[in-house]
Amino acid sequence: MPDPREAENVKGVTIPLALMATLAAGSALAAPTAETIARNCVVCHGPKEAGQLEIPKIANYPARKMVEMLTGFRAGQKEATIMDRIAKALTDEQIQALAAYFANQ
């Protein structure tokens, strides 16, 4: 039986419902903090966002490059398996906050 917390499985990458709920809640309530959104990144990017297999490390990633990557994914300008869909749910402010958060991990 499929795990009810899983929303979608694309090429072996699972998107938990928690991520979608976190981002959706931000539009209805106060915007979620970067730390709250970042808790979901561990699902794919591994413990402490250190990367795993072909998924890159995002801890200590330069903020400017993170902003470029996330906005590129959101705009459909960067090739992605799943990040394009995740990034579409992020506001400019959330992207900036995530970039600052991961740059200091």
PDB file of N, CA and C in Angstrom:
ATOM      1  N   MET A   1       0.855  -1.179   0.000  1.00  0.00           N
ATOM      2  CA  MET A   1       0.000   0.000   0.000  1.00  0.00           C
ATOM      3  C   MET A   1       0.898   1.239   0.000  1.00  0.00           C
ATOM      4  N   PRO A   2       0.629   2.224  -0.830  1.00  0.00           N
ATOM      5  CA  PRO A   2       1.443   3.433  -0.863  1.00  0.00           C
ATOM      6  C   PRO A   2       1.369   4.213   0.444  1.00  0.00           C
ATOM      7  N   ASP A   3       2.473   4.843   0.771  1.00  0.00           N
ATOM      8  CA  ASP A   3       2.532   5.674   1.962  1.00  0.00           C
ATOM      9  C   ASP A   3       1.626   6.882   1.743  1.00  0.00           C
ATOM     10  N   PRO A   4       0.670   7.155   2.630  1.00  0.00           N
ATOM     11  CA  PRO A   4      -0.249   8.279   2.425  1.00  0.00           C
ATOM     12  C   PRO A   4       0.441   9.639   2.500  1.00  0.00           C
ATOM     13  N   ARG A   5       1.668   9.688   3.017  1.00  0.00           N
ATOM     14  CA  ARG A   5       2.395  10.953   3.080  1.00  0.00           C
ATOM     15  C   ARG A   5       3.047  11.297   1.758  1.00  0.00           C
ATOM     16  N   GLU A   6       3.084  10.381   0.806  1.00  0.00           N
ATOM     17  CA  GLU A   6       3.721  10.621  -0.471  1.00  0.00           C
ATOM     18  C   GLU A   6       2.721  11.137  -1.488  1.00  0.00           C
ATOM     19  N   ALA A   7       3.072  12.241  -2.129  1.00  0.00           N
ATOM     20  CA  ALA A   7       2.177  12.841  -3.104  1.00  0.00           C
ATOM     21  C   ALA A   7       2.488  12.358  -4.503  1.00  0.00           C
ATOM     22  N   GLU A   8       3.763  12.115  -4.800  1.00  0.00           N
ATOM     23  CA  GLU A   8       4.141  11.792  -6.166  1.00  0.00           C
ATOM     24  C   GLU A   8       5.508  11.130  -6.136  1.00  0.00           C
ATOM     25  N   ASN A   9       5.758  10.230  -7.060  1.00  0.00           N
ATOM     26  CA  ASN A   9       7.060   9.596  -7.171  1.00  0.00           C
ATOM     27  C   ASN A   9       7.491   9.724  -8.617  1.00  0.00           C
ATOM     28  N   VAL A  10       8.527  10.522  -8.868  1.00  0.00           N
ATOM     29  CA  VAL A  10       9.001  10.783 -10.210  1.00  0.00           C
ATOM     30  C   VAL A  10      10.444  10.317 -10.308  1.00  0.00           C
ATOM     31  N   LYS A  11      10.702   9.341 -11.185  1.00  0.00           N
ATOM     32  CA  LYS A  11      12.047   8.801 -11.373  1.00  0.00           C
ATOM     33  C   LYS A  11      12.705   8.479 -10.033  1.00  0.00           C
ATOM     34  N   GLY A  12      11.948   7.890  -9.119  1.00  0.00           N
ATOM     35  CA  GLY A  12      12.484   7.476  -7.837  1.00  0.00           C
ATOM     36  C   GLY A  12      12.584   8.588  -6.800  1.00  0.00           C
ATOM     37  N   VAL A  13      12.147   9.789  -7.123  1.00  0.00           N
ATOM     38  CA  VAL A  13      12.202  10.908  -6.182  1.00  0.00           C
ATOM     39  C   VAL A  13      10.804  11.116  -5.625  1.00  0.00           C
ATOM     40  N   THR A  14      10.663  10.997  -4.322  1.00  0.00           N
ATOM     41  CA  THR A  14       9.359  11.128  -3.676  1.00  0.00           C
ATOM     42  C   THR A  14       9.180  12.527  -3.128  1.00  0.00           C
ATOM     43  N   ILE A  15       8.022  13.099  -3.386  1.00  0.00           N
ATOM     44  CA  ILE A  15       7.687  14.411  -2.836  1.00  0.00           C
ATOM     45  C   ILE A  15       6.704  14.181  -1.704  1.00  0.00           C
ATOM     46  N   PRO A  16       7.099  14.469  -0.486  1.00  0.00           N
ATOM     47  CA  PRO A  16       6.161  14.257   0.614  1.00  0.00           C
ATOM     48  C   PRO A  16       5.059  15.309   0.616  1.00  0.00           C
ATOM     49  N   LEU A  17       3.916  14.873   1.052  1.00  0.00           N
ATOM     50  CA  LEU A  17       2.793  15.803   1.188  1.00  0.00           C
ATOM     51  C   LEU A  17       3.136  16.927   2.142  1.00  0.00           C
ATOM     52  N   ALA A  18       4.021  16.654   3.085  1.00  0.00           N
ATOM     53  CA  ALA A  18       4.400  17.689   4.047  1.00  0.00           C
ATOM     54  C   ALA A  18       4.969  18.910   3.348  1.00  0.00           C
ATOM     55  N   LEU A  19       5.751  18.716   2.295  1.00  0.00           N
ATOM     56  CA  LEU A  19       6.320  19.849   1.571  1.00  0.00           C
ATOM     57  C   LEU A  19       5.213  20.658   0.920  1.00  0.00           C
ATOM     58  N   MET A  20       4.318  19.978   0.243  1.00  0.00           N
ATOM     59  CA  MET A  20       3.228  20.684  -0.424  1.00  0.00           C
ATOM     60  C   MET A  20       2.345  21.404   0.597  1.00  0.00           C
ATOM     61  N   ALA A  21       2.094  20.760   1.721  1.00  0.00           N
ATOM     62  CA  ALA A  21       1.268  21.376   2.762  1.00  0.00           C
ATOM     63  C   ALA A  21       1.972  22.584   3.361  1.00  0.00           C
ATOM     64  N   THR A  22       3.278  22.494   3.553  1.00  0.00           N
ATOM     65  CA  THR A  22       4.038  23.615   4.102  1.00  0.00           C
ATOM     66  C   THR A  22       3.949  24.816   3.185  1.00  0.00           C
ATOM     67  N   LEU A  23       4.151  24.603   1.905  1.00  0.00           N
ATOM     68  CA  LEU A  23       4.123  25.705   0.952  1.00  0.00           C
ATOM     69  C   LEU A  23       2.712  26.254   0.785  1.00  0.00           C
ATOM     70  N   ALA A  24       1.718  25.377   0.762  1.00  0.00           N
ATOM     71  CA  ALA A  24       0.332  25.824   0.621  1.00  0.00           C
ATOM     72  C   ALA A  24      -0.107  26.614   1.844  1.00  0.00           C
ATOM     73  N   ALA A  25       0.310  26.181   3.014  1.00  0.00           N
ATOM     74  CA  ALA A  25      -0.060  26.888   4.239  1.00  0.00           C
ATOM     75  C   ALA A  25       0.501  28.298   4.239  1.00  0.00           C
ATOM     76  N   GLY A  26       1.648  28.464   3.624  1.00  0.00           N
ATOM     77  CA  GLY A  26       2.263  29.784   3.577  1.00  0.00           C
ATOM     78  C   GLY A  26       1.412  30.788   2.834  1.00  0.00           C
ATOM     79  N   SER A  27       0.663  30.340   1.851  1.00  0.00           N
ATOM     80  CA  SER A  27      -0.162  31.287   1.108  1.00  0.00           C
ATOM     81  C   SER A  27      -1.436  31.636   1.857  1.00  0.00           C
ATOM     82  N   ALA A  28      -1.891  30.759   2.743  1.00  0.00           N
ATOM     83  CA  ALA A  28      -3.125  31.005   3.478  1.00  0.00           C
ATOM     84  C   ALA A  28      -2.860  31.682   4.821  1.00  0.00           C
ATOM     85  N   LEU A  29      -1.693  31.430   5.397  1.00  0.00           N
ATOM     86  CA  LEU A  29      -1.335  31.971   6.706  1.00  0.00           C
ATOM     87  C   LEU A  29      -0.091  32.830   6.546  1.00  0.00           C
ATOM     88  N   ALA A  30       0.580  33.063   7.643  1.00  0.00           N
ATOM     89  CA  ALA A  30       1.871  33.743   7.567  1.00  0.00           C
ATOM     90  C   ALA A  30       2.822  32.850   6.771  1.00  0.00           C
ATOM     91  N   ALA A  31       3.654  33.446   5.966  1.00  0.00           N
ATOM     92  CA  ALA A  31       4.581  32.682   5.130  1.00  0.00           C
ATOM     93  C   ALA A  31       5.484  31.819   6.010  1.00  0.00           C
ATOM     94  N   PRO A  32       5.707  30.565   5.596  1.00  0.00           N
ATOM     95  CA  PRO A  32       6.591  29.711   6.383  1.00  0.00           C
ATOM     96  C   PRO A  32       8.017  30.252   6.333  1.00  0.00           C
ATOM     97  N   THR A  33       8.754  30.025   7.402  1.00  0.00           N
ATOM     98  CA  THR A  33      10.142  30.486   7.451  1.00  0.00           C
ATOM     99  C   THR A  33      11.010  29.610   6.561  1.00  0.00           C
ATOM    100  N   ALA A  34      12.194  30.108   6.255  1.00  0.00           N
ATOM    101  CA  ALA A  34      13.144  29.326   5.454  1.00  0.00           C
ATOM    102  C   ALA A  34      13.466  28.014   6.160  1.00  0.00           C
ATOM    103  N   GLU A  35      13.616  28.064   7.469  1.00  0.00           N
ATOM    104  CA  GLU A  35      13.932  26.845   8.219  1.00  0.00           C
ATOM    105  C   GLU A  35      12.799  25.824   8.104  1.00  0.00           C
ATOM    106  N   THR A  36      11.566  26.285   8.149  1.00  0.00           N
ATOM    107  CA  THR A  36      10.423  25.378   8.018  1.00  0.00           C
ATOM    108  C   THR A  36      10.395  24.729   6.639  1.00  0.00           C
ATOM    109  N   ILE A  37      10.591  25.515   5.600  1.00  0.00           N
ATOM    110  CA  ILE A  37      10.614  24.960   4.243  1.00  0.00           C
ATOM    111  C   ILE A  37      11.806  24.024   4.079  1.00  0.00           C
ATOM    112  N   ALA A  38      12.965  24.424   4.610  1.00  0.00           N
ATOM    113  CA  ALA A  38      14.198  23.645   4.456  1.00  0.00           C
ATOM    114  C   ALA A  38      14.110  22.261   5.096  1.00  0.00           C
ATOM    115  N   ARG A  39      13.271  22.098   6.102  1.00  0.00           N
ATOM    116  CA  ARG A  39      13.121  20.773   6.736  1.00  0.00           C
ATOM    117  C   ARG A  39      12.708  19.713   5.717  1.00  0.00           C
ATOM    118  N   ASN A  40      12.031  20.123   4.669  1.00  0.00           N
ATOM    119  CA  ASN A  40      11.583  19.180   3.652  1.00  0.00           C
ATOM    120  C   ASN A  40      12.694  18.796   2.671  1.00  0.00           C
ATOM    121  N   CYS A  41      13.721  19.599   2.586  1.00  0.00           N
ATOM    122  CA  CYS A  41      14.792  19.367   1.611  1.00  0.00           C
ATOM    123  C   CYS A  41      15.590  18.107   1.919  1.00  0.00           C
ATOM    124  N   VAL A  42      15.617  17.722   3.189  1.00  0.00           N
ATOM    125  CA  VAL A  42      16.372  16.543   3.604  1.00  0.00           C
ATOM    126  C   VAL A  42      15.860  15.271   2.910  1.00  0.00           C
ATOM    127  N   VAL A  43      14.606  15.265   2.515  1.00  0.00           N
ATOM    128  CA  VAL A  43      14.030  14.078   1.869  1.00  0.00           C
ATOM    129  C   VAL A  43      14.852  13.684   0.646  1.00  0.00           C
ATOM    130  N   CYS A  44      15.214  14.652  -0.167  1.00  0.00           N
ATOM    131  CA  CYS A  44      15.996  14.361  -1.379  1.00  0.00           C
ATOM    132  C   CYS A  44      17.474  14.666  -1.209  1.00  0.00           C
ATOM    133  N   HIS A  45      17.790  15.766  -0.553  1.00  0.00           N
ATOM    134  CA  HIS A  45      19.181  16.208  -0.475  1.00  0.00           C
ATOM    135  C   HIS A  45      19.953  15.546   0.650  1.00  0.00           C
ATOM    136  N   GLY A  46      19.295  14.699   1.427  1.00  0.00           N
ATOM    137  CA  GLY A  46      19.972  13.903   2.434  1.00  0.00           C
ATOM    138  C   GLY A  46      20.139  14.612   3.772  1.00  0.00           C
ATOM    139  N   PRO A  47      20.623  13.832   4.746  1.00  0.00           N
ATOM    140  CA  PRO A  47      20.827  14.384   6.084  1.00  0.00           C
ATOM    141  C   PRO A  47      21.735  15.615   6.037  1.00  0.00           C
ATOM    142  N   LYS A  48      21.313  16.631   6.721  1.00  0.00           N
ATOM    143  CA  LYS A  48      22.048  17.899   6.782  1.00  0.00           C
ATOM    144  C   LYS A  48      22.305  18.486   5.404  1.00  0.00           C
ATOM    145  N   GLU A  49      21.440  18.162   4.453  1.00  0.00           N
ATOM    146  CA  GLU A  49      21.508  18.679   3.084  1.00  0.00           C
ATOM    147  C   GLU A  49      22.880  18.472   2.462  1.00  0.00           C
ATOM    148  N   ALA A  50      23.518  17.340   2.795  1.00  0.00           N
ATOM    149  CA  ALA A  50      24.878  17.045   2.334  1.00  0.00           C
ATOM    150  C   ALA A  50      24.910  16.392   0.966  1.00  0.00           C
ATOM    151  N   GLY A  51      23.750  16.201   0.353  1.00  0.00           N
ATOM    152  CA  GLY A  51      23.683  15.577  -0.964  1.00  0.00           C
ATOM    153  C   GLY A  51      23.694  14.063  -0.851  1.00  0.00           C
ATOM    154  N   GLN A  52      23.213  13.426  -1.889  1.00  0.00           N
ATOM    155  CA  GLN A  52      23.239  11.960  -1.949  1.00  0.00           C
ATOM    156  C   GLN A  52      23.054  11.548  -3.399  1.00  0.00           C
ATOM    157  N   LEU A  53      23.787  10.530  -3.776  1.00  0.00           N
ATOM    158  CA  LEU A  53      23.785  10.037  -5.146  1.00  0.00           C
ATOM    159  C   LEU A  53      23.955  11.199  -6.125  1.00  0.00           C
ATOM    160  N   GLU A  54      23.009  11.402  -7.019  1.00  0.00           N
ATOM    161  CA  GLU A  54      23.120  12.466  -8.009  1.00  0.00           C
ATOM    162  C   GLU A  54      22.485  13.781  -7.557  1.00  0.00           C
ATOM    163  N   ILE A  55      21.963  13.804  -6.359  1.00  0.00           N
ATOM    164  CA  ILE A  55      21.321  15.012  -5.840  1.00  0.00           C
ATOM    165  C   ILE A  55      22.391  15.832  -5.120  1.00  0.00           C
ATOM    166  N   PRO A  56      22.559  17.092  -5.493  1.00  0.00           N
ATOM    167  CA  PRO A  56      23.676  17.886  -4.967  1.00  0.00           C
ATOM    168  C   PRO A  56      23.542  18.299  -3.507  1.00  0.00           C
ATOM    169  N   LYS A  57      24.705  18.577  -2.947  1.00  0.00           N
ATOM    170  CA  LYS A  57      24.792  19.159  -1.610  1.00  0.00           C
ATOM    171  C   LYS A  57      24.267  20.590  -1.691  1.00  0.00           C
ATOM    172  N   ILE A  58      23.449  20.988  -0.724  1.00  0.00           N
ATOM    173  CA  ILE A  58      22.970  22.368  -0.701  1.00  0.00           C
ATOM    174  C   ILE A  58      23.389  23.100   0.565  1.00  0.00           C
ATOM    175  N   ALA A  59      23.907  22.378   1.555  1.00  0.00           N
ATOM    176  CA  ALA A  59      24.429  23.038   2.744  1.00  0.00           C
ATOM    177  C   ALA A  59      25.677  23.823   2.341  1.00  0.00           C
ATOM    178  N   ASN A  60      25.803  25.041   2.836  1.00  0.00           N
ATOM    179  CA  ASN A  60      26.926  25.940   2.536  1.00  0.00           C
ATOM    180  C   ASN A  60      27.002  26.313   1.059  1.00  0.00           C
ATOM    181  N   TYR A  61      25.896  26.194   0.350  1.00  0.00           N
ATOM    182  CA  TYR A  61      25.853  26.559  -1.066  1.00  0.00           C
ATOM    183  C   TYR A  61      25.802  28.081  -1.161  1.00  0.00           C
ATOM    184  N   PRO A  62      26.588  28.690  -2.025  1.00  0.00           N
ATOM    185  CA  PRO A  62      26.585  30.157  -2.122  1.00  0.00           C
ATOM    186  C   PRO A  62      25.179  30.706  -2.402  1.00  0.00           C
ATOM    187  N   ALA A  63      24.788  31.695  -1.630  1.00  0.00           N
ATOM    188  CA  ALA A  63      23.426  32.244  -1.712  1.00  0.00           C
ATOM    189  C   ALA A  63      23.089  32.735  -3.117  1.00  0.00           C
ATOM    190  N   ARG A  64      23.997  33.442  -3.753  1.00  0.00           N
ATOM    191  CA  ARG A  64      23.724  33.981  -5.089  1.00  0.00           C
ATOM    192  C   ARG A  64      23.451  32.852  -6.081  1.00  0.00           C
ATOM    193  N   LYS A  65      24.229  31.788  -6.000  1.00  0.00           N
ATOM    194  CA  LYS A  65      24.028  30.649  -6.907  1.00  0.00           C
ATOM    195  C   LYS A  65      22.720  29.923  -6.603  1.00  0.00           C
ATOM    196  N   MET A  66      22.367  29.833  -5.316  1.00  0.00           N
ATOM    197  CA  MET A  66      21.105  29.192  -4.928  1.00  0.00           C
ATOM    198  C   MET A  66      19.931  29.972  -5.508  1.00  0.00           C
ATOM    199  N   VAL A  67      19.979  31.299  -5.423  1.00  0.00           N
ATOM    200  CA  VAL A  67      18.911  32.131  -5.985  1.00  0.00           C
ATOM    201  C   VAL A  67      18.829  31.891  -7.490  1.00  0.00           C
ATOM    202  N   GLU A  68      19.961  31.871  -8.172  1.00  0.00           N
ATOM    203  CA  GLU A  68      19.979  31.630  -9.615  1.00  0.00           C
ATOM    204  C   GLU A  68      19.373  30.269  -9.961  1.00  0.00           C
ATOM    205  N   MET A  69      19.753  29.250  -9.201  1.00  0.00           N
ATOM    206  CA  MET A  69      19.232  27.904  -9.469  1.00  0.00           C
ATOM    207  C   MET A  69      17.720  27.839  -9.245  1.00  0.00           C
ATOM    208  N   LEU A  70      17.264  28.308  -8.088  1.00  0.00           N
ATOM    209  CA  LEU A  70      15.838  28.205  -7.770  1.00  0.00           C
ATOM    210  C   LEU A  70      14.975  29.040  -8.715  1.00  0.00           C
ATOM    211  N   THR A  71      15.425  30.238  -9.050  1.00  0.00           N
ATOM    212  CA  THR A  71      14.637  31.046  -9.986  1.00  0.00           C
ATOM    213  C   THR A  71      14.688  30.448 -11.390  1.00  0.00           C
ATOM    214  N   GLY A  72      15.804  29.838 -11.747  1.00  0.00           N
ATOM    215  CA  GLY A  72      15.894  29.148 -13.034  1.00  0.00           C
ATOM    216  C   GLY A  72      14.965  27.949 -13.097  1.00  0.00           C
ATOM    217  N   PHE A  73      14.911  27.174 -12.002  1.00  0.00           N
ATOM    218  CA  PHE A  73      13.975  26.042 -11.947  1.00  0.00           C
ATOM    219  C   PHE A  73      12.541  26.551 -12.061  1.00  0.00           C
ATOM    220  N   ARG A  74      12.240  27.591 -11.293  1.00  0.00           N
ATOM    221  CA  ARG A  74      10.873  28.131 -11.275  1.00  0.00           C
ATOM    222  C   ARG A  74      10.444  28.622 -12.654  1.00  0.00           C
ATOM    223  N   ALA A  75      11.362  29.216 -13.388  1.00  0.00           N
ATOM    224  CA  ALA A  75      11.052  29.758 -14.714  1.00  0.00           C
ATOM    225  C   ALA A  75      11.113  28.703 -15.814  1.00  0.00           C
ATOM    226  N   GLY A  76      11.517  27.480 -15.460  1.00  0.00           N
ATOM    227  CA  GLY A  76      11.631  26.425 -16.461  1.00  0.00           C
ATOM    228  C   GLY A  76      12.877  26.558 -17.313  1.00  0.00           C
ATOM    229  N   GLN A  77      13.856  27.321 -16.858  1.00  0.00           N
ATOM    230  CA  GLN A  77      15.085  27.540 -17.614  1.00  0.00           C
ATOM    231  C   GLN A  77      16.197  26.569 -17.234  1.00  0.00           C
ATOM    232  N   LYS A  78      16.030  25.855 -16.133  1.00  0.00           N
ATOM    233  CA  LYS A  78      17.017  24.879 -15.682  1.00  0.00           C
ATOM    234  C   LYS A  78      16.400  23.493 -15.779  1.00  0.00           C
ATOM    235  N   GLU A  79      17.168  22.554 -16.282  1.00  0.00           N
ATOM    236  CA  GLU A  79      16.694  21.178 -16.390  1.00  0.00           C
ATOM    237  C   GLU A  79      16.546  20.590 -14.990  1.00  0.00           C
ATOM    238  N   ALA A  80      15.452  19.895 -14.759  1.00  0.00           N
ATOM    239  CA  ALA A  80      15.191  19.344 -13.429  1.00  0.00           C
ATOM    240  C   ALA A  80      14.303  18.116 -13.508  1.00  0.00           C
ATOM    241  N   THR A  81      14.458  17.267 -12.531  1.00  0.00           N
ATOM    242  CA  THR A  81      13.565  16.126 -12.390  1.00  0.00           C
ATOM    243  C   THR A  81      12.317  16.557 -11.635  1.00  0.00           C
ATOM    244  N   ILE A  82      12.515  17.265 -10.537  1.00  0.00           N
ATOM    245  CA  ILE A  82      11.401  17.654  -9.681  1.00  0.00           C
ATOM    246  C   ILE A  82      11.506  19.083  -9.165  1.00  0.00           C
ATOM    247  N   MET A  83      12.707  19.637  -9.132  1.00  0.00           N
ATOM    248  CA  MET A  83      12.900  20.964  -8.546  1.00  0.00           C
ATOM    249  C   MET A  83      12.128  22.061  -9.267  1.00  0.00           C
ATOM    250  N   ASP A  84      11.864  21.886 -10.542  1.00  0.00           N
ATOM    251  CA  ASP A  84      11.082  22.904 -11.257  1.00  0.00           C
ATOM    252  C   ASP A  84       9.689  23.033 -10.652  1.00  0.00           C
ATOM    253  N   ARG A  85       9.084  21.905 -10.309  1.00  0.00           N
ATOM    254  CA  ARG A  85       7.740  21.940  -9.717  1.00  0.00           C
ATOM    255  C   ARG A  85       7.759  22.458  -8.282  1.00  0.00           C
ATOM    256  N   ILE A  86       8.788  22.098  -7.539  1.00  0.00           N
ATOM    257  CA  ILE A  86       8.899  22.585  -6.165  1.00  0.00           C
ATOM    258  C   ILE A  86       9.139  24.093  -6.170  1.00  0.00           C
ATOM    259  N   ALA A  87      10.042  24.555  -7.021  1.00  0.00           N
ATOM    260  CA  ALA A  87      10.394  25.980  -7.062  1.00  0.00           C
ATOM    261  C   ALA A  87       9.216  26.856  -7.481  1.00  0.00           C
ATOM    262  N   LYS A  88       8.313  26.327  -8.273  1.00  0.00           N
ATOM    263  CA  LYS A  88       7.148  27.118  -8.697  1.00  0.00           C
ATOM    264  C   LYS A  88       6.277  27.535  -7.519  1.00  0.00           C
ATOM    265  N   ALA A  89       6.363  26.806  -6.426  1.00  0.00           N
ATOM    266  CA  ALA A  89       5.565  27.130  -5.239  1.00  0.00           C
ATOM    267  C   ALA A  89       6.245  28.163  -4.347  1.00  0.00           C
ATOM    268  N   LEU A  90       7.484  28.543  -4.670  1.00  0.00           N
ATOM    269  CA  LEU A  90       8.239  29.477  -3.832  1.00  0.00           C
ATOM    270  C   LEU A  90       8.101  30.915  -4.332  1.00  0.00           C
ATOM    271  N   THR A  91       7.964  31.827  -3.397  1.00  0.00           N
ATOM    272  CA  THR A  91       7.958  33.253  -3.732  1.00  0.00           C
ATOM    273  C   THR A  91       9.404  33.736  -3.843  1.00  0.00           C
ATOM    274  N   ASP A  92       9.588  34.929  -4.392  1.00  0.00           N
ATOM    275  CA  ASP A  92      10.929  35.518  -4.442  1.00  0.00           C
ATOM    276  C   ASP A  92      11.514  35.647  -3.039  1.00  0.00           C
ATOM    277  N   GLU A  93      10.698  36.047  -2.086  1.00  0.00           N
ATOM    278  CA  GLU A  93      11.151  36.213  -0.707  1.00  0.00           C
ATOM    279  C   GLU A  93      11.577  34.879  -0.104  1.00  0.00           C
ATOM    280  N   GLN A  94      10.826  33.821  -0.371  1.00  0.00           N
ATOM    281  CA  GLN A  94      11.185  32.499   0.149  1.00  0.00           C
ATOM    282  C   GLN A  94      12.483  32.007  -0.489  1.00  0.00           C
ATOM    283  N   ILE A  95      12.670  32.265  -1.763  1.00  0.00           N
ATOM    284  CA  ILE A  95      13.914  31.871  -2.432  1.00  0.00           C
ATOM    285  C   ILE A  95      15.096  32.594  -1.800  1.00  0.00           C
ATOM    286  N   GLN A  96      14.955  33.900  -1.576  1.00  0.00           N
ATOM    287  CA  GLN A  96      16.030  34.664  -0.934  1.00  0.00           C
ATOM    288  C   GLN A  96      16.326  34.127   0.467  1.00  0.00           C
ATOM    289  N   ALA A  97      15.268  33.835   1.213  1.00  0.00           N
ATOM    290  CA  ALA A  97      15.437  33.325   2.581  1.00  0.00           C
ATOM    291  C   ALA A  97      16.086  31.950   2.591  1.00  0.00           C
ATOM    292  N   LEU A  98      15.670  31.072   1.684  1.00  0.00           N
ATOM    293  CA  LEU A  98      16.283  29.736   1.595  1.00  0.00           C
ATOM    294  C   LEU A  98      17.752  29.842   1.213  1.00  0.00           C
ATOM    295  N   ALA A  99      18.066  30.718   0.279  1.00  0.00           N
ATOM    296  CA  ALA A  99      19.458  30.898  -0.157  1.00  0.00           C
ATOM    297  C   ALA A  99      20.319  31.340   1.024  1.00  0.00           C
ATOM    298  N   ALA A 100      19.836  32.295   1.797  1.00  0.00           N
ATOM    299  CA  ALA A 100      20.581  32.755   2.970  1.00  0.00           C
ATOM    300  C   ALA A 100      20.706  31.643   4.009  1.00  0.00           C
ATOM    301  N   TYR A 101      19.638  30.904   4.217  1.00  0.00           N
ATOM    302  CA  TYR A 101      19.635  29.818   5.188  1.00  0.00           C
ATOM    303  C   TYR A 101      20.671  28.753   4.824  1.00  0.00           C
ATOM    304  N   PHE A 102      20.633  28.266   3.583  1.00  0.00           N
ATOM    305  CA  PHE A 102      21.558  27.196   3.198  1.00  0.00           C
ATOM    306  C   PHE A 102      23.001  27.670   3.091  1.00  0.00           C
ATOM    307  N   ALA A 103      23.215  28.920   2.787  1.00  0.00           N
ATOM    308  CA  ALA A 103      24.578  29.453   2.715  1.00  0.00           C
ATOM    309  C   ALA A 103      25.268  29.393   4.078  1.00  0.00           C
ATOM    310  N   ASN A 104      24.477  29.358   5.139  1.00  0.00           N
ATOM    311  CA  ASN A 104      25.031  29.354   6.497  1.00  0.00           C
ATOM    312  C   ASN A 104      24.906  28.018   7.218  1.00  0.00           C
ATOM    313  N   GLN A 105      24.693  26.952   6.488  1.00  0.00           N
ATOM    314  CA  GLN A 105      24.555  25.631   7.124  1.00  0.00           C
ATOM    315  C   GLN A 105      25.864  24.894   7.142  1.00  0.00           C
TER     316      GLN A 105
END
